Amino acid sequence: MFPNLLREVRILQITLPEILKRAYRDSSQEIINIIGELPPDVAKDVLEGIQRSARKVASISSQIIAYRERIRKYLMRNKLLHRYENNRPINLSNVVAVDGTYAVISTTLYDIIFVGAVAYSFRENGFEKKMHALAAPPSILSEKVARGLMIWLEFALASELVSDYEYVILDGSIIANLANIREVISAREQNPDDPIWDSVELMDLLKRLSKERIFSRIFKIPGLLASPKKLTGKLFTKKYLKEFRLNATDASVLSLTLEEGEWIKISWIGSDLPQACIQMPKTDITPIDAGFIEEFFSSTGFDIIYFKPREWSRAYKIEIPRRVKSDYYQRVLDLVYNQVTSPYIEELEIQYLAHLFAQRLSKVAQIVFTATKNSALQTMTKKWCSSIFLATRYRT
């Protein structure tokens, strides 16, 4: 499929430093024209910042490429490198992806918080959703609460689907997702007098979610996977590649090191886990099964796979919250291989479709909220103008 394109993408991966330098050099004049209206000293700072960033990215990738063969030998010597060979078809009607969205529209009088989670599958009625539009007093916590609440709804929706599908794919890292939920609970503990908690509908929703035993249900049932779009972890490089002193994430290193069809597996358990992310403060919105979360990840943890399914693809990260056998790895690899079909989509295809639906929900909400806000502002402006006129007309 597109052999010339795929070869060029692979060349791009390996020669990234030189391409970055050339791209910056070729576009310098265009950049100068674009920022020409800025004060000269500001324009100079912008250009120097771009140059520093380009050099930094180039140095990181250059370092990985320089050590590439040594890293590969290390992985093979320590039996960390595996090869995917069998491509078995996946019944996509048994796969569902969950994604979320949120938006906060702020006004002087209130914040409107929209949160939603969607699930998408290839079944005839394969679209599910949870959506809430909440009004709350203006607060600096609105964004944090909205983000954590969105992820909480994603977990809630996934927990309702795990018994109906062979695979339920969450967006984002499990630990990062739990950390975002924990931030909402910590905000409740540390800022109990913040005006956001005066929203009755927000508190009702949080308390309802906290009583549902979402996490003890979802982590007990086989089939839950997480596939983060943004790959920031450094667990593998810290644990196995210390001697190389790489200033890069696991995904960066493995995307440039692994060949097509190669994968590695690491386990994350107990003391390796950031305890602050899995220990929830005790509040009136703490999940009723918060103790299960801590116990599960301290005793069971999860396995992480990095798999490069195609020559032109990145290394995809899949988190499996439990210990699994080798035949299950094979099924997960089959799923990833069959879902990575284009160099233009940097996530599993079904995840991408779920993400599009989530984005549409958010866009519709923002349009409605903005229209409401503008209408309210226009009404208030008219009233203020009328009041000013009445108060001053006898003086003019």
Protein backbone atom coordinates (compact mmCIF):
# COMPACT_ATOMS: atom_id res chain seq x y z
CA MET A 1 0.00 0.00 0.00
CA PHE A 2 1.54 3.32 -1.14
CA PRO A 3 5.10 1.85 -1.12
CA ASN A 4 6.78 5.14 -2.03
CA LEU A 5 4.89 7.05 0.66
CA LEU A 6 5.64 4.45 3.31
CA ARG A 7 9.33 4.45 2.43
CA GLU A 8 9.42 8.24 2.69
CA VAL A 9 7.75 8.16 6.10
CA ARG A 10 10.35 5.68 7.32
CA ILE A 11 13.17 7.84 5.96
CA LEU A 12 11.60 10.81 7.74
CA GLN A 13 11.76 8.94 11.06
CA ILE A 14 15.43 8.09 10.73
CA THR A 15 16.61 11.43 9.32
CA LEU A 16 14.50 13.72 11.49
CA PRO A 17 17.37 15.94 12.72
CA GLU A 18 18.48 16.95 9.23
CA ILE A 19 14.90 17.46 8.05
CA LEU A 20 14.19 19.76 10.99
CA LYS A 21 17.24 21.87 10.23
CA ARG A 22 16.40 22.07 6.53
CA ALA A 23 12.73 22.90 7.18
CA TYR A 24 13.67 25.75 9.46
CA ARG A 25 16.29 27.08 7.04
CA ASP A 26 13.90 26.94 4.07
CA SER A 27 11.05 28.65 5.91
CA SER A 28 13.01 31.32 7.79
CA GLN A 29 12.07 34.14 5.40
CA GLU A 30 8.42 33.12 5.44
CA ILE A 31 8.45 33.13 9.24
CA ILE A 32 10.05 36.58 9.24
CA ASN A 33 7.31 37.88 6.93
CA ILE A 34 4.57 36.44 9.13
CA ILE A 35 5.88 38.06 12.31
CA GLY A 36 7.03 41.23 10.57
CA GLU A 37 4.39 43.32 12.34
CA LEU A 38 5.84 42.50 15.75
CA PRO A 39 8.36 44.83 17.41
CA PRO A 40 11.90 43.85 16.25
CA ASP A 41 13.06 42.71 19.69
CA VAL A 42 9.95 40.52 20.14
CA ALA A 43 10.35 39.05 16.64
CA LYS A 44 13.99 38.26 17.42
CA ASP A 45 13.01 36.45 20.64
CA VAL A 46 10.36 34.42 18.78
CA LEU A 47 12.83 33.32 16.10
CA GLU A 48 15.49 32.42 18.65
CA GLY A 49 12.93 30.40 20.60
CA ILE A 50 11.96 28.47 17.47
CA GLN A 51 15.62 27.78 16.73
CA ARG A 52 16.25 26.52 20.26
CA SER A 53 13.22 24.22 20.07
CA ALA A 54 14.30 22.82 16.69
CA ARG A 55 17.81 22.19 17.99
CA LYS A 56 16.44 20.50 21.11
CA VAL A 57 14.19 18.14 19.12
CA ALA A 58 17.04 17.40 16.74
CA SER A 59 19.43 16.61 19.58
CA ILE A 60 16.94 14.21 21.23
CA SER A 61 16.28 12.25 18.04
CA SER A 62 19.98 12.34 17.08
CA GLN A 63 20.86 10.80 20.44
CA ILE A 64 18.35 7.98 19.97
CA ILE A 65 19.52 7.28 16.42
CA ALA A 66 23.17 7.27 17.54
CA TYR A 67 22.42 4.60 20.15
CA ARG A 68 19.87 2.71 18.07
CA GLU A 69 21.93 -0.39 17.27
CA ARG A 70 23.33 -0.61 20.79
CA ILE A 71 19.81 -0.39 22.23
CA ARG A 72 18.59 -3.12 19.87
CA LYS A 73 21.47 -5.41 20.89
CA TYR A 74 20.70 -4.75 24.55
CA LEU A 75 17.01 -5.62 24.05
CA MET A 76 17.85 -8.85 22.22
CA ARG A 77 20.52 -9.86 24.72
CA ASN A 78 18.07 -9.44 27.62
CA LYS A 79 15.23 -11.16 25.73
CA LEU A 80 13.05 -8.05 25.86
CA LEU A 81 12.48 -7.88 22.11
CA HIS A 82 9.64 -9.95 20.62
CA ARG A 83 8.36 -10.39 17.08
CA TYR A 84 4.75 -10.40 15.96
CA GLU A 85 4.27 -12.99 13.21
CA ASN A 86 0.66 -14.18 13.01
CA ASN A 87 -1.91 -11.75 11.67
CA ARG A 88 -5.28 -13.14 12.70
CA PRO A 89 -8.45 -11.21 11.82
CA ILE A 90 -10.35 -9.38 14.54
CA ASN A 91 -14.14 -9.24 14.76
CA LEU A 92 -14.52 -5.47 15.04
CA SER A 93 -18.12 -5.75 16.20
CA ASN A 94 -16.64 -6.96 19.50
CA VAL A 95 -14.49 -3.84 19.95
CA VAL A 96 -15.63 -0.49 21.35
CA ALA A 97 -13.63 2.70 21.96
CA VAL A 98 -14.46 5.31 24.60
CA ASP A 99 -13.42 8.96 24.43
CA GLY A 100 -14.46 12.14 26.20
CA THR A 101 -14.78 15.87 25.77
CA TYR A 102 -15.36 18.93 27.88
CA ALA A 103 -15.83 22.67 27.49
CA VAL A 104 -16.04 25.54 29.96
CA ILE A 105 -17.75 28.79 28.99
CA SER A 106 -17.05 31.52 31.54
CA THR A 107 -19.13 34.61 32.19
CA THR A 108 -19.26 37.16 34.98
CA LEU A 109 -22.28 35.47 36.55
CA TYR A 110 -21.57 31.76 36.04
CA ASP A 111 -19.48 29.05 34.38
CA ILE A 112 -21.23 26.57 32.12
CA ILE A 113 -19.42 23.23 32.27
CA PHE A 114 -20.13 20.73 29.51
CA VAL A 115 -18.77 17.21 29.96
CA GLY A 116 -19.38 14.19 27.79
CA ALA A 117 -18.19 10.65 27.14
CA VAL A 118 -18.93 8.68 23.98
CA ALA A 119 -18.50 5.04 23.01
CA TYR A 120 -18.24 4.00 19.38
CA SER A 121 -18.31 0.53 17.83
CA PHE A 122 -19.12 -0.96 14.43
CA ARG A 123 -22.36 -2.51 15.65
CA GLU A 124 -25.64 -1.28 14.22
CA ASN A 125 -26.49 0.56 17.44
CA GLY A 126 -22.89 1.07 18.44
CA PHE A 127 -23.03 4.65 19.69
CA GLU A 128 -23.44 5.37 23.40
CA LYS A 129 -23.03 8.62 25.29
CA LYS A 130 -23.16 10.33 28.68
CA MET A 131 -23.52 14.12 28.64
CA HIS A 132 -24.07 16.80 31.24
CA ALA A 133 -24.29 20.59 31.02
CA LEU A 134 -23.80 22.11 34.46
CA ALA A 135 -24.06 25.70 35.69
CA ALA A 136 -21.70 26.69 38.50
CA PRO A 137 -20.45 29.93 40.05
CA PRO A 138 -17.25 31.24 38.38
CA SER A 139 -14.22 29.39 39.74
CA ILE A 140 -10.54 28.82 38.97
CA LEU A 141 -11.29 25.12 39.50
CA SER A 142 -13.77 24.86 36.62
CA GLU A 143 -11.25 23.51 34.07
CA LYS A 144 -9.77 21.00 36.51
CA VAL A 145 -13.19 19.76 37.61
CA ALA A 146 -14.43 19.53 34.02
CA ARG A 147 -11.41 17.49 32.89
CA GLY A 148 -11.59 15.08 35.83
CA LEU A 149 -15.36 14.72 35.54
CA MET A 150 -15.03 13.94 31.82
CA ILE A 151 -12.62 11.08 32.57
CA TRP A 152 -14.84 9.82 35.38
CA LEU A 153 -17.72 9.64 32.89
CA GLU A 154 -15.47 7.74 30.45
CA PHE A 155 -14.77 5.13 33.14
CA ALA A 156 -18.49 4.99 34.00
CA LEU A 157 -19.48 4.43 30.37
CA ALA A 158 -16.74 1.83 29.86
CA SER A 159 -17.83 -0.05 32.99
CA GLU A 160 -21.30 -0.47 31.47
CA LEU A 161 -19.85 -1.92 28.25
CA VAL A 162 -17.13 -4.31 29.42
CA SER A 163 -19.53 -7.26 29.66
CA ASP A 164 -20.88 -6.70 26.12
CA TYR A 165 -17.60 -6.46 24.19
CA GLU A 166 -14.40 -8.47 23.95
CA TYR A 167 -12.34 -5.26 24.10
CA VAL A 168 -13.14 -1.84 25.55
CA ILE A 169 -10.45 0.71 24.65
CA LEU A 170 -10.02 3.74 26.89
CA ASP A 171 -8.31 6.90 25.75
CA GLY A 172 -5.33 8.03 27.82
CA SER A 173 -3.06 6.32 30.30
CA ILE A 174 -4.89 4.64 33.18
CA ILE A 175 -2.64 6.17 35.82
CA ALA A 176 -2.91 9.64 34.23
CA ASN A 177 -6.69 9.27 34.08
CA LEU A 178 -6.88 8.27 37.74
CA ALA A 179 -4.63 11.23 38.59
CA ASN A 180 -7.10 13.61 36.91
CA ILE A 181 -10.00 12.15 38.89
CA ARG A 182 -7.92 12.40 42.05
CA GLU A 183 -7.32 16.10 41.33
CA VAL A 184 -11.07 16.74 41.49
CA ILE A 185 -11.30 14.95 44.84
CA SER A 186 -8.20 16.75 46.15
CA ALA A 187 -9.66 20.08 45.05
CA ARG A 188 -12.78 19.26 47.08
CA GLU A 189 -10.60 18.47 50.11
CA GLN A 190 -8.21 21.42 49.80
CA ASN A 191 -10.68 24.08 48.64
CA PRO A 192 -13.96 23.19 50.39
CA ASP A 193 -15.17 26.81 50.32
CA ASP A 194 -14.64 27.35 46.60
CA PRO A 195 -17.87 28.61 44.98
CA ILE A 196 -17.89 25.76 42.42
CA TRP A 197 -19.15 23.36 45.10
CA ASP A 198 -22.27 25.53 45.50
CA SER A 199 -23.56 24.03 42.25
CA VAL A 200 -26.20 21.55 43.37
CA GLU A 201 -26.29 19.72 40.02
CA LEU A 202 -22.49 19.34 39.96
CA MET A 203 -22.38 17.94 43.49
CA ASP A 204 -25.32 15.62 42.78
CA LEU A 205 -23.50 14.20 39.75
CA LEU A 206 -20.19 13.76 41.60
CA LYS A 207 -21.88 12.06 44.57
CA ARG A 208 -23.86 9.78 42.26
CA LEU A 209 -20.71 8.70 40.43
CA SER A 210 -18.87 8.13 43.71
CA LYS A 211 -21.49 5.57 44.80
CA GLU A 212 -21.47 3.44 41.63
CA ARG A 213 -18.47 1.13 42.27
CA ILE A 214 -17.23 1.90 38.77
CA PHE A 215 -13.59 0.98 39.32
CA SER A 216 -14.06 -2.33 41.13
CA ARG A 217 -16.35 -3.39 38.28
CA ILE A 218 -14.22 -2.24 35.36
CA PHE A 219 -10.87 -3.60 36.53
CA LYS A 220 -12.23 -7.05 37.37
CA ILE A 221 -13.55 -7.86 33.90
CA PRO A 222 -11.16 -8.97 31.10
CA GLY A 223 -11.18 -6.87 27.98
CA LEU A 224 -10.30 -3.40 29.27
CA LEU A 225 -7.40 -1.77 27.42
CA ALA A 226 -6.01 1.76 27.39
CA SER A 227 -4.28 3.30 24.38
CA PRO A 228 -2.96 6.83 25.06
CA LYS A 229 -2.70 9.31 22.19
CA LYS A 230 -0.13 11.39 24.05
CA LEU A 231 2.81 9.22 25.07
CA THR A 232 4.80 10.75 27.92
CA GLY A 233 5.94 7.76 30.01
CA LYS A 234 9.62 7.03 30.73
CA LEU A 235 9.21 3.80 32.71
CA PHE A 236 11.03 1.60 30.19
CA THR A 237 14.00 3.90 29.62
CA LYS A 238 14.46 4.42 33.37
CA LYS A 239 14.20 0.73 34.16
CA TYR A 240 16.21 -0.81 31.31
CA LEU A 241 18.15 1.87 29.45
CA LYS A 242 19.75 3.89 32.25
CA GLU A 243 23.25 3.45 30.85
CA PHE A 244 22.32 5.35 27.68
CA ARG A 245 21.13 8.44 29.61
CA LEU A 246 18.45 9.21 27.05
CA ASN A 247 16.51 12.43 27.46
CA ALA A 248 13.43 11.03 25.73
CA THR A 249 10.16 9.22 26.39
CA ASP A 250 9.68 5.48 25.95
CA ALA A 251 7.55 6.05 22.85
CA SER A 252 10.21 8.25 21.22
CA VAL A 253 12.96 5.72 21.85
CA LEU A 254 10.97 2.67 20.79
CA SER A 255 9.41 4.32 17.72
CA LEU A 256 12.90 4.90 16.35
CA THR A 257 14.42 1.66 17.68
CA LEU A 258 11.85 -1.05 16.93
CA GLU A 259 11.49 -2.52 13.46
CA GLU A 260 8.18 -3.41 11.84
CA GLY A 261 6.36 -6.14 13.79
CA GLU A 262 8.51 -5.88 16.92
CA TRP A 263 7.18 -5.34 20.43
CA ILE A 264 8.29 -5.20 24.03
CA LYS A 265 6.41 -5.75 27.29
CA ILE A 266 6.94 -4.28 30.75
CA SER A 267 5.00 -4.68 33.99
CA TRP A 268 4.07 -1.87 36.35
CA ILE A 269 3.17 -2.84 39.89
CA GLY A 270 3.44 -1.87 43.54
CA SER A 271 6.29 0.48 44.41
CA ASP A 272 6.88 1.31 40.72
CA LEU A 273 3.53 3.10 40.62
CA PRO A 274 3.12 6.75 41.68
CA GLN A 275 1.20 6.16 44.92
CA ALA A 276 -0.20 9.70 44.95
CA CYS A 277 -2.22 8.86 41.82
CA ILE A 278 -3.93 5.78 43.22
CA GLN A 279 -4.58 6.96 46.78
CA MET A 280 -7.77 9.01 46.97
CA PRO A 281 -8.39 11.56 49.77
CA LYS A 282 -11.48 10.92 51.90
CA THR A 283 -14.24 13.38 51.00
CA ASP A 284 -17.95 13.30 50.29
CA ILE A 285 -17.20 12.65 46.58
CA THR A 286 -14.49 9.98 46.99
CA PRO A 287 -15.39 6.77 45.08
CA ILE A 288 -16.87 4.14 47.36
CA ASP A 289 -14.39 1.64 45.88
CA ALA A 290 -11.31 3.87 46.22
CA GLY A 291 -9.71 1.25 48.45
CA PHE A 292 -10.04 -1.30 45.65
CA ILE A 293 -8.07 0.97 43.29
CA GLU A 294 -5.13 1.15 45.69
CA GLU A 295 -5.19 -2.57 46.47
CA PHE A 296 -5.55 -3.62 42.82
CA PHE A 297 -2.62 -1.62 41.50
CA SER A 298 -0.41 -2.39 44.50
CA SER A 299 -0.93 -6.15 44.21
CA THR A 300 -1.84 -6.71 40.55
CA GLY A 301 -0.78 -3.65 38.56
CA PHE A 302 -0.81 -3.84 34.81
CA ASP A 303 1.20 -4.84 31.76
CA ILE A 304 2.30 -2.37 29.12
CA ILE A 305 2.99 -3.28 25.49
CA TYR A 306 4.84 -1.10 22.99
CA PHE A 307 4.23 -2.42 19.49
CA LYS A 308 5.38 -1.09 16.12
CA PRO A 309 2.88 -2.71 13.72
CA ARG A 310 4.03 -1.07 10.49
CA GLU A 311 7.31 0.17 9.10
CA TRP A 312 5.94 3.73 8.89
CA SER A 313 4.07 3.75 12.22
CA ARG A 314 5.09 4.86 15.66
CA ALA A 315 5.34 2.41 18.55
CA TYR A 316 1.81 2.12 19.99
CA LYS A 317 1.39 1.88 23.74
CA ILE A 318 -1.29 -0.46 25.10
CA GLU A 319 -1.96 -0.74 28.83
CA ILE A 320 -3.59 -3.91 30.17
CA PRO A 321 -4.75 -3.54 33.80
CA ARG A 322 -3.96 -7.09 35.00
CA ARG A 323 -1.53 -9.96 34.49
CA VAL A 324 -2.25 -11.82 31.27
CA LYS A 325 -1.00 -14.90 29.42
CA SER A 326 0.92 -14.94 26.15
CA ASP A 327 -2.11 -15.86 24.02
CA TYR A 328 -3.85 -12.70 25.22
CA TYR A 329 -0.88 -10.59 24.11
CA GLN A 330 -1.29 -12.16 20.68
CA ARG A 331 -4.92 -11.06 20.49
CA VAL A 332 -4.03 -7.52 21.55
CA LEU A 333 -1.30 -7.37 18.91
CA ASP A 334 -3.79 -8.62 16.30
CA LEU A 335 -6.15 -5.81 17.31
CA VAL A 336 -3.49 -3.11 17.03
CA TYR A 337 -2.14 -4.46 13.75
CA ASN A 338 -5.58 -4.47 12.14
CA GLN A 339 -6.42 -1.00 13.46
CA VAL A 340 -3.28 0.81 12.25
CA THR A 341 -3.98 1.39 8.58
CA SER A 342 -2.77 4.90 7.72
CA PRO A 343 0.29 7.04 8.53
CA TYR A 344 -2.05 10.04 8.83
CA ILE A 345 -3.93 8.72 11.90
CA GLU A 346 -1.75 8.39 15.00
CA GLU A 347 -4.19 6.29 17.01
CA LEU A 348 -6.23 3.14 16.52
CA GLU A 349 -8.84 3.65 13.82
CA ILE A 350 -11.81 2.97 16.09
CA GLN A 351 -10.37 5.38 18.67
CA TYR A 352 -10.09 8.03 16.00
CA LEU A 353 -13.78 7.62 15.13
CA ALA A 354 -14.80 7.86 18.79
CA HIS A 355 -12.65 10.97 19.10
CA LEU A 356 -14.41 12.59 16.12
CA PHE A 357 -17.83 12.00 17.71
CA ALA A 358 -16.62 13.43 21.02
CA GLN A 359 -15.26 16.52 19.24
CA ARG A 360 -18.60 17.08 17.52
CA LEU A 361 -20.44 16.98 20.84
CA SER A 362 -18.06 19.57 22.24
CA LYS A 363 -18.36 21.83 19.19
CA VAL A 364 -22.16 21.79 19.32
CA ALA A 365 -22.07 22.56 23.04
CA GLN A 366 -19.64 25.45 22.54
CA ILE A 367 -21.77 26.93 19.75
CA VAL A 368 -24.91 26.78 21.91
CA PHE A 369 -23.11 28.09 25.00
CA THR A 370 -21.49 30.95 23.09
CA ALA A 371 -24.80 31.92 21.51
CA THR A 372 -26.43 31.87 24.96
CA LYS A 373 -23.61 33.97 26.41
CA ASN A 374 -23.80 36.50 23.56
CA SER A 375 -27.57 36.74 23.90
CA ALA A 376 -27.29 37.35 27.63
CA LEU A 377 -24.60 39.98 27.10
CA GLN A 378 -26.73 41.75 24.50
CA THR A 379 -29.70 41.76 26.86
CA MET A 380 -27.60 43.10 29.73
CA THR A 381 -26.01 45.74 27.48
CA LYS A 382 -29.43 46.99 26.41
CA LYS A 383 -30.58 47.16 30.02
CA TRP A 384 -27.44 49.04 31.11
CA CYS A 385 -27.75 51.48 28.21
CA SER A 386 -31.40 52.11 29.12
CA SER A 387 -30.50 52.65 32.77
CA ILE A 388 -27.70 55.07 31.90
CA PHE A 389 -30.01 56.98 29.56
CA LEU A 390 -32.74 57.26 32.20
CA ALA A 391 -30.25 58.35 34.85
CA THR A 392 -28.63 61.05 32.73
CA ARG A 393 -31.26 62.32 30.30
CA TYR A 394 -32.35 65.21 32.52
CA ARG A 395 -28.73 66.40 32.82
CA THR A 396 -28.03 66.60 29.09
